[in-house]
N, C-alpha and C. Protein backbone atom coordinates (compact mmCIF):
# COMPACT_ATOMS: atom_id res chain seq x y z
N MET A 1 3.04 -6.69 5.29
CA MET A 1 4.06 -7.42 6.04
C MET A 1 4.14 -8.84 5.51
N SER A 2 5.33 -9.34 5.32
CA SER A 2 5.54 -10.73 4.91
C SER A 2 6.46 -11.39 5.91
N LEU A 3 6.27 -12.69 6.12
CA LEU A 3 7.06 -13.43 7.09
C LEU A 3 7.36 -14.80 6.52
N ILE A 4 8.64 -15.17 6.56
CA ILE A 4 9.07 -16.51 6.18
C ILE A 4 9.71 -17.15 7.39
N GLY A 5 9.21 -18.29 7.80
CA GLY A 5 9.72 -18.92 9.01
C GLY A 5 10.33 -20.28 8.75
N ALA A 6 11.53 -20.49 9.30
CA ALA A 6 12.13 -21.82 9.31
C ALA A 6 11.87 -22.42 10.68
N GLU A 7 11.31 -23.63 10.72
CA GLU A 7 10.89 -24.20 11.99
C GLU A 7 11.27 -25.68 12.08
N PRO A 8 12.52 -25.98 12.42
CA PRO A 8 12.89 -27.39 12.64
C PRO A 8 12.14 -27.95 13.85
N ALA A 9 11.61 -29.15 13.70
CA ALA A 9 10.90 -29.81 14.80
C ALA A 9 11.33 -31.27 14.85
N PHE A 10 11.66 -31.75 16.05
CA PHE A 10 12.03 -33.15 16.18
C PHE A 10 11.67 -33.64 17.57
N SER A 11 11.52 -34.94 17.69
CA SER A 11 11.20 -35.56 18.98
C SER A 11 12.21 -36.65 19.27
N PHE A 12 12.41 -36.92 20.54
CA PHE A 12 13.37 -37.95 20.94
C PHE A 12 12.98 -38.48 22.31
N GLY A 13 13.51 -39.65 22.65
CA GLY A 13 13.22 -40.25 23.94
C GLY A 13 12.22 -41.39 23.83
N GLU A 14 12.37 -42.37 24.70
CA GLU A 14 11.46 -43.51 24.75
C GLU A 14 11.16 -43.81 26.22
N GLY A 15 10.37 -44.85 26.45
CA GLY A 15 10.09 -45.27 27.83
C GLY A 15 9.03 -44.42 28.49
N ARG A 16 9.42 -43.58 29.42
CA ARG A 16 8.45 -42.82 30.20
C ARG A 16 7.81 -41.67 29.44
N GLY A 17 8.38 -41.28 28.34
CA GLY A 17 7.81 -40.19 27.55
C GLY A 17 8.76 -39.72 26.47
N ARG A 18 8.32 -38.72 25.72
CA ARG A 18 9.11 -38.18 24.64
C ARG A 18 9.28 -36.68 24.83
N TRP A 19 10.37 -36.17 24.26
CA TRP A 19 10.63 -34.74 24.24
C TRP A 19 10.41 -34.24 22.82
N VAL A 20 9.75 -33.10 22.70
CA VAL A 20 9.49 -32.49 21.40
C VAL A 20 10.12 -31.11 21.38
N SER A 21 10.98 -30.87 20.41
CA SER A 21 11.67 -29.59 20.28
C SER A 21 11.15 -28.85 19.05
N ARG A 22 10.87 -27.56 19.23
CA ARG A 22 10.44 -26.71 18.11
C ARG A 22 11.25 -25.42 18.16
N THR A 23 11.84 -25.06 17.02
CA THR A 23 12.65 -23.85 16.91
C THR A 23 12.06 -22.98 15.81
N LEU A 24 11.77 -21.72 16.13
CA LEU A 24 11.21 -20.80 15.15
C LEU A 24 12.20 -19.65 14.93
N LEU A 25 12.65 -19.48 13.69
CA LEU A 25 13.53 -18.39 13.31
C LEU A 25 12.91 -17.67 12.11
N PRO A 26 12.25 -16.52 12.35
CA PRO A 26 11.53 -15.85 11.26
C PRO A 26 12.40 -14.88 10.47
N LEU A 27 12.14 -14.79 9.18
CA LEU A 27 12.66 -13.76 8.31
C LEU A 27 11.49 -12.85 7.96
N ILE A 28 11.62 -11.55 8.25
CA ILE A 28 10.49 -10.63 8.21
C ILE A 28 10.78 -9.48 7.25
N ARG A 29 9.72 -9.04 6.56
CA ARG A 29 9.77 -7.82 5.76
C ARG A 29 8.56 -6.97 6.12
N GLU A 30 8.80 -5.75 6.61
CA GLU A 30 7.74 -4.83 7.00
C GLU A 30 7.84 -3.57 6.14
N ASP A 31 6.69 -3.14 5.62
CA ASP A 31 6.64 -1.95 4.78
C ASP A 31 5.50 -1.06 5.27
N GLY A 32 5.79 0.21 5.55
CA GLY A 32 4.76 1.14 5.97
C GLY A 32 4.45 1.11 7.44
N VAL A 33 5.23 0.38 8.24
CA VAL A 33 5.01 0.32 9.69
C VAL A 33 5.85 1.36 10.42
N ASP A 34 7.08 1.56 9.95
CA ASP A 34 7.98 2.53 10.58
C ASP A 34 7.48 3.95 10.33
N PRO A 35 7.55 4.85 11.34
CA PRO A 35 7.10 6.24 11.16
C PRO A 35 7.84 6.97 10.06
N ASP A 36 9.08 6.57 9.78
CA ASP A 36 9.88 7.21 8.73
C ASP A 36 9.70 6.53 7.38
N ASP A 37 8.67 5.70 7.26
CA ASP A 37 8.40 4.96 6.01
C ASP A 37 9.60 4.12 5.58
N ARG A 38 10.31 3.62 6.55
CA ARG A 38 11.46 2.76 6.27
C ARG A 38 11.00 1.31 6.13
N VAL A 39 11.52 0.61 5.13
CA VAL A 39 11.23 -0.80 4.95
C VAL A 39 12.24 -1.61 5.77
N GLN A 40 11.72 -2.45 6.66
CA GLN A 40 12.60 -3.28 7.49
C GLN A 40 12.59 -4.71 6.97
N THR A 41 13.75 -5.23 6.70
CA THR A 41 13.89 -6.59 6.21
C THR A 41 15.03 -7.26 6.97
N GLY A 42 14.77 -8.43 7.51
CA GLY A 42 15.83 -9.12 8.22
C GLY A 42 15.31 -10.24 9.09
N MET A 43 16.15 -10.67 10.00
CA MET A 43 15.84 -11.79 10.89
C MET A 43 15.20 -11.28 12.17
N GLY A 44 14.18 -12.00 12.65
CA GLY A 44 13.53 -11.66 13.91
C GLY A 44 14.12 -12.45 15.06
N ASP A 45 13.46 -12.39 16.21
CA ASP A 45 13.93 -13.11 17.39
C ASP A 45 13.73 -14.62 17.23
N LEU A 46 14.66 -15.38 17.80
CA LEU A 46 14.56 -16.84 17.80
C LEU A 46 13.72 -17.29 18.99
N LEU A 47 12.81 -18.23 18.74
CA LEU A 47 11.96 -18.78 19.80
C LEU A 47 12.15 -20.29 19.84
N GLN A 48 12.72 -20.78 20.96
CA GLN A 48 12.98 -22.21 21.15
C GLN A 48 12.07 -22.77 22.23
N THR A 49 11.32 -23.82 21.90
CA THR A 49 10.40 -24.43 22.85
C THR A 49 10.69 -25.92 22.96
N LEU A 50 10.70 -26.43 24.18
CA LEU A 50 10.92 -27.86 24.43
C LEU A 50 9.78 -28.38 25.28
N TYR A 51 9.06 -29.41 24.77
CA TYR A 51 7.92 -30.00 25.47
C TYR A 51 8.25 -31.42 25.92
N TYR A 52 7.68 -31.79 27.05
CA TYR A 52 7.72 -33.18 27.50
C TYR A 52 6.32 -33.77 27.35
N VAL A 53 6.23 -34.89 26.62
CA VAL A 53 4.96 -35.57 26.39
C VAL A 53 5.01 -36.91 27.10
N PRO A 54 4.18 -37.16 28.13
CA PRO A 54 4.20 -38.44 28.85
C PRO A 54 3.94 -39.61 27.90
N ALA A 55 4.45 -40.77 28.27
CA ALA A 55 4.35 -41.95 27.42
C ALA A 55 2.89 -42.32 27.14
N SER A 56 2.03 -42.23 28.15
CA SER A 56 0.62 -42.57 27.95
C SER A 56 -0.05 -41.64 26.96
N VAL A 57 0.39 -40.37 26.95
CA VAL A 57 -0.17 -39.40 26.00
C VAL A 57 0.39 -39.62 24.61
N ALA A 58 1.68 -39.94 24.51
CA ALA A 58 2.32 -40.14 23.22
C ALA A 58 1.70 -41.31 22.47
N ARG A 59 1.16 -42.32 23.20
CA ARG A 59 0.55 -43.48 22.55
C ARG A 59 -0.90 -43.24 22.16
N ASP A 60 -1.47 -42.12 22.61
CA ASP A 60 -2.87 -41.83 22.33
C ASP A 60 -3.01 -41.37 20.88
N ASP A 61 -4.00 -41.95 20.17
CA ASP A 61 -4.22 -41.58 18.78
C ASP A 61 -5.05 -40.31 18.64
N GLY A 62 -5.62 -39.79 19.72
CA GLY A 62 -6.47 -38.62 19.63
C GLY A 62 -5.90 -37.43 20.37
N PHE A 63 -6.18 -37.34 21.65
CA PHE A 63 -5.78 -36.18 22.43
C PHE A 63 -4.29 -36.25 22.80
N ARG A 64 -3.59 -35.14 22.58
CA ARG A 64 -2.17 -35.03 22.93
C ARG A 64 -1.95 -33.77 23.75
N TRP A 65 -1.01 -33.83 24.69
CA TRP A 65 -0.63 -32.62 25.41
C TRP A 65 0.80 -32.74 25.88
N GLY A 66 1.42 -31.59 26.13
CA GLY A 66 2.79 -31.57 26.60
C GLY A 66 3.08 -30.30 27.38
N VAL A 67 4.02 -30.38 28.29
CA VAL A 67 4.44 -29.22 29.09
C VAL A 67 5.95 -29.03 28.92
N GLY A 68 6.40 -27.79 29.07
CA GLY A 68 7.82 -27.54 28.90
C GLY A 68 8.19 -26.10 29.15
N ALA A 69 9.16 -25.62 28.38
CA ALA A 69 9.69 -24.27 28.58
C ALA A 69 10.00 -23.65 27.23
N THR A 70 9.98 -22.30 27.21
CA THR A 70 10.27 -21.54 26.00
C THR A 70 11.38 -20.52 26.28
N LEU A 71 12.30 -20.39 25.36
CA LEU A 71 13.37 -19.41 25.45
C LEU A 71 13.32 -18.52 24.22
N ARG A 72 13.34 -17.20 24.46
CA ARG A 72 13.44 -16.24 23.35
C ARG A 72 14.82 -15.61 23.37
N ALA A 73 15.53 -15.71 22.25
CA ALA A 73 16.85 -15.11 22.10
C ALA A 73 16.74 -13.94 21.13
N PRO A 74 17.50 -12.87 21.36
CA PRO A 74 17.32 -11.65 20.55
C PRO A 74 18.37 -11.45 19.45
N PRO A 75 18.43 -12.34 18.45
CA PRO A 75 19.40 -12.11 17.37
C PRO A 75 18.83 -11.27 16.22
N ALA A 76 17.71 -10.53 16.45
CA ALA A 76 17.07 -9.77 15.38
C ALA A 76 18.07 -8.81 14.73
N SER A 77 18.02 -8.71 13.41
CA SER A 77 18.94 -7.86 12.68
C SER A 77 18.55 -6.39 12.72
N ASP A 78 17.32 -6.08 13.16
CA ASP A 78 16.82 -4.71 13.25
C ASP A 78 16.03 -4.58 14.54
N ASP A 79 16.20 -3.47 15.28
CA ASP A 79 15.48 -3.29 16.54
C ASP A 79 13.97 -3.39 16.36
N ALA A 80 13.47 -2.96 15.19
CA ALA A 80 12.03 -2.98 14.95
C ALA A 80 11.50 -4.39 14.69
N LEU A 81 12.39 -5.36 14.46
CA LEU A 81 11.97 -6.72 14.14
C LEU A 81 12.04 -7.66 15.33
N GLY A 82 12.47 -7.15 16.50
CA GLY A 82 12.57 -7.99 17.68
C GLY A 82 12.41 -7.18 18.95
N GLU A 83 12.53 -7.87 20.09
CA GLU A 83 12.33 -7.23 21.38
C GLU A 83 13.63 -6.77 22.05
N ASP A 84 14.79 -7.21 21.54
CA ASP A 84 16.09 -6.87 22.12
C ASP A 84 16.19 -7.28 23.59
N GLU A 85 15.51 -8.37 23.95
CA GLU A 85 15.54 -8.87 25.32
C GLU A 85 15.53 -10.40 25.30
N TRP A 86 16.32 -11.00 26.18
CA TRP A 86 16.18 -12.42 26.42
C TRP A 86 14.93 -12.65 27.27
N ALA A 87 14.27 -13.78 27.06
CA ALA A 87 13.08 -14.08 27.84
C ALA A 87 12.96 -15.59 28.01
N LEU A 88 12.38 -15.99 29.14
CA LEU A 88 12.26 -17.41 29.46
C LEU A 88 10.95 -17.63 30.21
N GLY A 89 10.31 -18.79 30.00
CA GLY A 89 9.08 -19.07 30.71
C GLY A 89 8.50 -20.43 30.39
N PRO A 90 7.37 -20.79 31.05
CA PRO A 90 6.75 -22.10 30.84
C PRO A 90 5.95 -22.14 29.54
N ALA A 91 5.68 -23.37 29.10
CA ALA A 91 4.90 -23.58 27.88
C ALA A 91 3.99 -24.78 28.05
N PHE A 92 2.84 -24.73 27.40
CA PHE A 92 1.88 -25.84 27.43
C PHE A 92 1.20 -25.91 26.06
N ALA A 93 1.01 -27.11 25.57
CA ALA A 93 0.33 -27.32 24.29
C ALA A 93 -0.60 -28.51 24.40
N ALA A 94 -1.74 -28.42 23.73
CA ALA A 94 -2.71 -29.51 23.70
C ALA A 94 -3.38 -29.52 22.33
N ALA A 95 -3.70 -30.71 21.86
CA ALA A 95 -4.33 -30.83 20.54
C ALA A 95 -5.15 -32.11 20.47
N TRP A 96 -6.24 -32.03 19.72
CA TRP A 96 -7.04 -33.20 19.40
C TRP A 96 -6.84 -33.50 17.92
N ILE A 97 -6.37 -34.69 17.60
CA ILE A 97 -6.07 -35.07 16.23
C ILE A 97 -7.09 -36.10 15.79
N GLY A 98 -8.01 -35.68 14.92
CA GLY A 98 -9.05 -36.57 14.42
C GLY A 98 -8.70 -37.12 13.06
N ARG A 99 -9.64 -37.83 12.47
CA ARG A 99 -9.39 -38.42 11.16
C ARG A 99 -9.25 -37.36 10.08
N ARG A 100 -10.08 -36.30 10.16
CA ARG A 100 -10.00 -35.25 9.15
C ARG A 100 -9.74 -33.88 9.76
N TRP A 101 -10.21 -33.66 10.98
CA TRP A 101 -10.06 -32.35 11.61
C TRP A 101 -9.20 -32.45 12.86
N SER A 102 -8.41 -31.41 13.06
CA SER A 102 -7.58 -31.30 14.26
C SER A 102 -7.70 -29.88 14.80
N TRP A 103 -7.63 -29.76 16.12
CA TRP A 103 -7.64 -28.43 16.72
C TRP A 103 -6.89 -28.48 18.04
N GLY A 104 -6.45 -27.32 18.46
CA GLY A 104 -5.69 -27.27 19.70
C GLY A 104 -5.19 -25.86 19.96
N ALA A 105 -4.24 -25.74 20.89
CA ALA A 105 -3.69 -24.44 21.25
C ALA A 105 -2.34 -24.61 21.91
N GLN A 106 -1.54 -23.59 21.79
CA GLN A 106 -0.24 -23.52 22.44
C GLN A 106 -0.20 -22.26 23.29
N VAL A 107 0.21 -22.39 24.55
CA VAL A 107 0.29 -21.24 25.46
C VAL A 107 1.72 -21.15 25.99
N GLN A 108 2.31 -19.96 25.89
CA GLN A 108 3.67 -19.72 26.37
C GLN A 108 3.70 -18.40 27.14
N HIS A 109 4.40 -18.38 28.25
CA HIS A 109 4.60 -17.13 28.98
C HIS A 109 6.09 -16.81 29.01
N LEU A 110 6.43 -15.60 28.57
CA LEU A 110 7.82 -15.19 28.48
C LEU A 110 8.09 -14.06 29.46
N HIS A 111 9.04 -14.29 30.37
CA HIS A 111 9.46 -13.28 31.33
C HIS A 111 10.82 -12.76 30.92
N ALA A 112 10.91 -11.45 30.67
CA ALA A 112 12.16 -10.85 30.21
C ALA A 112 13.25 -10.99 31.27
N ILE A 113 14.45 -11.39 30.84
CA ILE A 113 15.56 -11.58 31.77
C ILE A 113 16.75 -10.71 31.40
N GLY A 114 16.52 -9.72 30.52
CA GLY A 114 17.58 -8.79 30.14
C GLY A 114 17.16 -7.95 28.98
N GLY A 115 17.66 -6.74 28.89
CA GLY A 115 17.32 -5.86 27.79
C GLY A 115 17.97 -4.51 27.96
N ASP A 116 17.72 -3.62 26.99
CA ASP A 116 18.29 -2.28 27.00
C ASP A 116 17.17 -1.27 26.95
N ALA A 117 16.96 -0.52 28.03
CA ALA A 117 15.86 0.45 28.09
C ALA A 117 16.00 1.52 27.04
N ASP A 118 17.25 1.82 26.58
CA ASP A 118 17.43 2.88 25.59
C ASP A 118 16.80 2.51 24.26
N ASP A 119 16.60 1.19 24.03
CA ASP A 119 15.99 0.75 22.78
C ASP A 119 14.48 0.68 22.87
N ASP A 120 13.88 0.96 24.01
CA ASP A 120 12.44 0.90 24.18
C ASP A 120 11.80 2.05 23.42
N PRO A 121 10.95 1.79 22.41
CA PRO A 121 10.39 2.86 21.59
C PRO A 121 9.54 3.83 22.39
N ASP A 122 9.03 3.43 23.55
CA ASP A 122 8.19 4.32 24.34
C ASP A 122 8.98 5.11 25.37
N GLY A 123 10.31 4.88 25.43
CA GLY A 123 11.14 5.61 26.37
C GLY A 123 10.84 5.28 27.80
N ASN A 124 10.47 4.05 28.10
CA ASN A 124 10.15 3.66 29.45
C ASN A 124 11.41 3.45 30.27
N SER A 125 11.26 3.32 31.58
CA SER A 125 12.38 3.07 32.46
C SER A 125 12.84 1.63 32.34
N ASP A 126 13.93 1.31 33.09
CA ASP A 126 14.48 -0.04 33.02
C ASP A 126 13.45 -1.08 33.40
N ASP A 127 12.65 -0.80 34.46
CA ASP A 127 11.67 -1.78 34.91
C ASP A 127 10.60 -2.00 33.86
N ASP A 128 10.17 -0.91 33.19
CA ASP A 128 9.12 -1.04 32.21
C ASP A 128 9.60 -1.70 30.93
N SER A 129 10.91 -1.59 30.66
CA SER A 129 11.42 -2.15 29.41
C SER A 129 11.46 -3.67 29.45
N ASP A 130 11.54 -4.25 30.66
CA ASP A 130 11.57 -5.70 30.79
C ASP A 130 10.14 -6.22 30.80
N ARG A 131 9.57 -6.40 29.63
CA ARG A 131 8.15 -6.71 29.53
C ARG A 131 7.92 -8.21 29.54
N ASP A 132 6.78 -8.60 30.11
CA ASP A 132 6.33 -9.99 30.11
C ASP A 132 5.24 -10.15 29.06
N TYR A 133 5.31 -11.28 28.34
CA TYR A 133 4.31 -11.58 27.32
C TYR A 133 3.70 -12.96 27.59
N THR A 134 2.42 -13.09 27.32
CA THR A 134 1.76 -14.39 27.26
C THR A 134 1.31 -14.62 25.82
N LEU A 135 1.79 -15.68 25.22
CA LEU A 135 1.49 -16.00 23.83
C LEU A 135 0.44 -17.10 23.77
N LEU A 136 -0.61 -16.87 23.01
CA LEU A 136 -1.70 -17.85 22.84
C LEU A 136 -1.91 -18.08 21.36
N SER A 137 -1.81 -19.36 20.94
CA SER A 137 -1.92 -19.70 19.52
C SER A 137 -2.90 -20.85 19.32
N PRO A 138 -4.22 -20.56 19.31
CA PRO A 138 -5.19 -21.61 18.99
C PRO A 138 -5.24 -21.85 17.48
N PHE A 139 -5.58 -23.07 17.08
CA PHE A 139 -5.64 -23.40 15.66
C PHE A 139 -6.70 -24.45 15.41
N ALA A 140 -7.13 -24.53 14.16
CA ALA A 140 -8.01 -25.59 13.68
C ALA A 140 -7.62 -25.89 12.24
N ALA A 141 -7.53 -27.17 11.88
CA ALA A 141 -7.10 -27.56 10.54
C ALA A 141 -7.89 -28.77 10.07
N GLY A 142 -8.14 -28.82 8.77
CA GLY A 142 -8.86 -29.94 8.18
C GLY A 142 -8.10 -30.53 7.01
N ASP A 143 -8.07 -31.84 6.90
CA ASP A 143 -7.36 -32.52 5.82
C ASP A 143 -8.20 -32.54 4.55
N LEU A 144 -7.59 -32.13 3.44
CA LEU A 144 -8.23 -32.24 2.13
C LEU A 144 -7.84 -33.53 1.44
N SER A 145 -6.64 -34.03 1.75
CA SER A 145 -6.14 -35.28 1.19
C SER A 145 -5.04 -35.77 2.11
N ALA A 146 -4.32 -36.78 1.65
CA ALA A 146 -3.24 -37.32 2.48
C ALA A 146 -2.10 -36.33 2.65
N ARG A 147 -1.97 -35.38 1.74
CA ARG A 147 -0.87 -34.42 1.78
C ARG A 147 -1.31 -32.99 2.07
N TRP A 148 -2.52 -32.62 1.69
CA TRP A 148 -2.93 -31.22 1.77
C TRP A 148 -3.92 -31.01 2.90
N SER A 149 -3.82 -29.85 3.53
CA SER A 149 -4.76 -29.45 4.57
C SER A 149 -4.89 -27.93 4.57
N VAL A 150 -5.98 -27.45 5.15
CA VAL A 150 -6.21 -26.01 5.29
C VAL A 150 -6.57 -25.74 6.74
N GLY A 151 -6.34 -24.51 7.18
CA GLY A 151 -6.64 -24.21 8.57
C GLY A 151 -6.65 -22.73 8.88
N VAL A 152 -6.91 -22.44 10.13
CA VAL A 152 -6.91 -21.08 10.64
C VAL A 152 -6.17 -21.06 11.97
N GLN A 153 -5.40 -20.00 12.22
CA GLN A 153 -4.61 -19.90 13.44
C GLN A 153 -4.58 -18.45 13.90
N VAL A 154 -4.61 -18.25 15.21
CA VAL A 154 -4.47 -16.92 15.80
C VAL A 154 -3.18 -16.91 16.62
N ASP A 155 -2.36 -15.89 16.41
CA ASP A 155 -1.12 -15.73 17.17
C ASP A 155 -1.23 -14.46 18.00
N ALA A 156 -1.79 -14.60 19.19
CA ALA A 156 -2.04 -13.45 20.05
C ALA A 156 -0.95 -13.34 21.11
N ALA A 157 -0.50 -12.11 21.38
CA ALA A 157 0.50 -11.84 22.41
C ALA A 157 -0.04 -10.76 23.34
N TYR A 158 -0.14 -11.09 24.63
CA TYR A 158 -0.60 -10.12 25.61
C TYR A 158 0.59 -9.51 26.33
N ASP A 159 0.73 -8.19 26.24
CA ASP A 159 1.79 -7.44 26.88
C ASP A 159 1.29 -7.00 28.25
N TRP A 160 1.86 -7.58 29.32
CA TRP A 160 1.36 -7.32 30.67
C TRP A 160 1.70 -5.91 31.15
N GLN A 161 2.82 -5.37 30.74
CA GLN A 161 3.18 -4.03 31.19
C GLN A 161 2.35 -2.95 30.49
N ARG A 162 2.10 -3.13 29.21
CA ARG A 162 1.34 -2.14 28.45
C ARG A 162 -0.16 -2.43 28.43
N ASP A 163 -0.54 -3.61 28.99
CA ASP A 163 -1.95 -4.00 29.08
C ASP A 163 -2.63 -3.95 27.72
N ARG A 164 -2.05 -4.67 26.77
CA ARG A 164 -2.64 -4.70 25.43
C ARG A 164 -2.37 -6.07 24.80
N ILE A 165 -3.18 -6.41 23.83
CA ILE A 165 -3.05 -7.67 23.12
C ILE A 165 -2.95 -7.38 21.63
N LYS A 166 -2.08 -8.10 20.96
CA LYS A 166 -1.91 -7.91 19.53
C LYS A 166 -1.60 -9.24 18.88
N GLY A 167 -1.77 -9.30 17.58
CA GLY A 167 -1.47 -10.52 16.85
C GLY A 167 -2.43 -10.76 15.72
N PRO A 168 -2.00 -11.48 14.70
CA PRO A 168 -2.82 -11.68 13.51
C PRO A 168 -3.62 -12.99 13.53
N LEU A 169 -4.63 -12.99 12.71
CA LEU A 169 -5.37 -14.21 12.35
C LEU A 169 -4.84 -14.66 10.99
N THR A 170 -4.51 -15.94 10.87
CA THR A 170 -3.90 -16.46 9.64
C THR A 170 -4.76 -17.58 9.05
N LEU A 171 -5.06 -17.45 7.78
CA LEU A 171 -5.69 -18.52 7.00
C LEU A 171 -4.59 -19.15 6.14
N PHE A 172 -4.42 -20.47 6.24
CA PHE A 172 -3.27 -21.08 5.58
C PHE A 172 -3.65 -22.39 4.89
N ALA A 173 -2.79 -22.78 3.96
CA ALA A 173 -2.84 -24.10 3.32
C ALA A 173 -1.49 -24.76 3.55
N ARG A 174 -1.50 -26.07 3.78
CA ARG A 174 -0.26 -26.77 4.11
C ARG A 174 -0.14 -28.05 3.29
N ARG A 175 1.08 -28.31 2.86
CA ARG A 175 1.38 -29.57 2.19
C ARG A 175 2.43 -30.31 3.00
N ALA A 176 2.14 -31.52 3.41
CA ALA A 176 3.04 -32.30 4.24
C ALA A 176 3.79 -33.31 3.39
N GLY A 177 5.08 -33.44 3.67
CA GLY A 177 5.91 -34.44 3.02
C GLY A 177 6.41 -35.46 4.02
N GLU A 178 7.38 -36.26 3.61
CA GLU A 178 7.93 -37.27 4.51
C GLU A 178 8.75 -36.65 5.63
N ALA A 179 9.51 -35.60 5.32
CA ALA A 179 10.39 -35.00 6.32
C ALA A 179 10.20 -33.50 6.48
N PHE A 180 9.20 -32.94 5.81
CA PHE A 180 8.97 -31.51 5.93
C PHE A 180 7.51 -31.19 5.66
N ALA A 181 7.10 -29.99 6.03
CA ALA A 181 5.77 -29.47 5.73
C ALA A 181 5.93 -28.03 5.29
N PHE A 182 5.26 -27.66 4.21
CA PHE A 182 5.31 -26.30 3.70
C PHE A 182 3.92 -25.68 3.82
N ASP A 183 3.85 -24.45 4.32
CA ASP A 183 2.56 -23.78 4.41
C ASP A 183 2.66 -22.35 3.93
N ALA A 184 1.55 -21.84 3.43
CA ALA A 184 1.44 -20.46 2.96
C ALA A 184 0.08 -19.93 3.36
N GLY A 185 0.02 -18.66 3.73
CA GLY A 185 -1.26 -18.12 4.16
C GLY A 185 -1.27 -16.61 4.21
N PHE A 186 -2.47 -16.06 4.41
CA PHE A 186 -2.69 -14.63 4.56
C PHE A 186 -2.95 -14.32 6.02
N ARG A 187 -2.39 -13.20 6.50
CA ARG A 187 -2.55 -12.78 7.90
C ARG A 187 -3.29 -11.45 7.93
N TYR A 188 -4.17 -11.31 8.94
CA TYR A 188 -4.92 -10.07 9.09
C TYR A 188 -4.98 -9.69 10.56
N TRP A 189 -4.58 -8.46 10.87
CA TRP A 189 -4.64 -7.94 12.23
C TRP A 189 -6.01 -7.30 12.45
N ILE A 190 -6.85 -7.95 13.24
CA ILE A 190 -8.24 -7.51 13.40
C ILE A 190 -8.32 -6.17 14.10
N ASP A 191 -7.62 -6.01 15.22
CA ASP A 191 -7.70 -4.78 16.00
C ASP A 191 -6.39 -4.57 16.74
N GLY A 192 -5.32 -4.40 16.00
CA GLY A 192 -4.01 -4.25 16.62
C GLY A 192 -3.66 -2.81 16.88
N PRO A 193 -2.55 -2.56 17.57
CA PRO A 193 -2.07 -1.20 17.79
C PRO A 193 -1.76 -0.51 16.46
N THR A 194 -1.62 0.80 16.50
CA THR A 194 -1.46 1.56 15.27
C THR A 194 -0.18 1.18 14.50
N GLU A 195 0.85 0.73 15.22
CA GLU A 195 2.08 0.39 14.52
C GLU A 195 2.02 -0.98 13.86
N GLU A 196 0.96 -1.74 14.10
CA GLU A 196 0.82 -3.04 13.46
C GLU A 196 0.29 -2.89 12.03
N PRO A 197 0.74 -3.75 11.10
CA PRO A 197 0.17 -3.73 9.75
C PRO A 197 -1.25 -4.27 9.76
N GLU A 198 -1.99 -3.99 8.71
CA GLU A 198 -3.36 -4.50 8.61
C GLU A 198 -3.40 -5.91 8.06
N TRP A 199 -2.46 -6.25 7.20
CA TRP A 199 -2.47 -7.58 6.61
C TRP A 199 -1.03 -7.99 6.30
N GLY A 200 -0.86 -9.26 6.03
CA GLY A 200 0.46 -9.76 5.71
C GLY A 200 0.39 -11.12 5.04
N VAL A 201 1.55 -11.66 4.72
CA VAL A 201 1.68 -12.97 4.09
C VAL A 201 2.65 -13.80 4.91
N ARG A 202 2.34 -15.06 5.13
CA ARG A 202 3.22 -15.96 5.86
C ARG A 202 3.58 -17.16 5.00
N LEU A 203 4.87 -17.47 4.97
CA LEU A 203 5.38 -18.67 4.33
C LEU A 203 6.18 -19.43 5.36
N GLY A 204 5.96 -20.72 5.46
CA GLY A 204 6.64 -21.50 6.48
C GLY A 204 7.15 -22.82 5.95
N LEU A 205 8.30 -23.25 6.45
CA LEU A 205 8.87 -24.53 6.11
C LEU A 205 9.28 -25.22 7.41
N THR A 206 8.70 -26.37 7.68
CA THR A 206 8.96 -27.09 8.92
C THR A 206 9.67 -28.40 8.61
N TRP A 207 10.87 -28.57 9.16
CA TRP A 207 11.57 -29.85 9.05
C TRP A 207 11.13 -30.74 10.21
N ILE A 208 10.76 -31.96 9.89
CA ILE A 208 10.25 -32.90 10.89
C ILE A 208 11.24 -34.05 11.01
N LEU A 209 11.88 -34.15 12.15
CA LEU A 209 12.84 -35.23 12.41
C LEU A 209 12.33 -36.05 13.57
N ASP A 210 12.21 -37.35 13.39
CA ASP A 210 11.67 -38.22 14.43
C ASP A 210 12.56 -39.45 14.58
């Protein structure tokens, strides 16, 4: 599995606090996951998150945190590459930014607000097709220089209706520029469901507007 993600990020606001917007639009290629050995290539679901960071936190050189909301929109080009459901829920992120090492986590809960039960691969009823997910993404990264860093990240998703957790562990390298950051890494699914791939590649480009 390979994944290329475009992730514009920008912040705005002064005075009492700042708002931080992050948009994730993935381009995905899956091979050997479909039962019919079909290769799926296309766009996945869009994930939009907006955080509010209080002014006292924004001025802190170390610990940062923010609260907000996440919206998932289903523009996936293939049913196998997305959930085919709109979803909305709260979000929280916290991070410690040190001189060389940084670590933190992002937590999002998505409650489905629409979908089509006929597209549910398990053939569940309407109630079961509207699934809730809790997304947990802890990370740790270390700076090698002013531009380069390496890190590890877990992207875990807990499916409340199916009572299962899935998601890869990613080892990545990142190069930061003035207005963008590029990262590349390897992903490995430690103990995922049978339809999950065992490994993958991630490429990411983040635009930073401040």
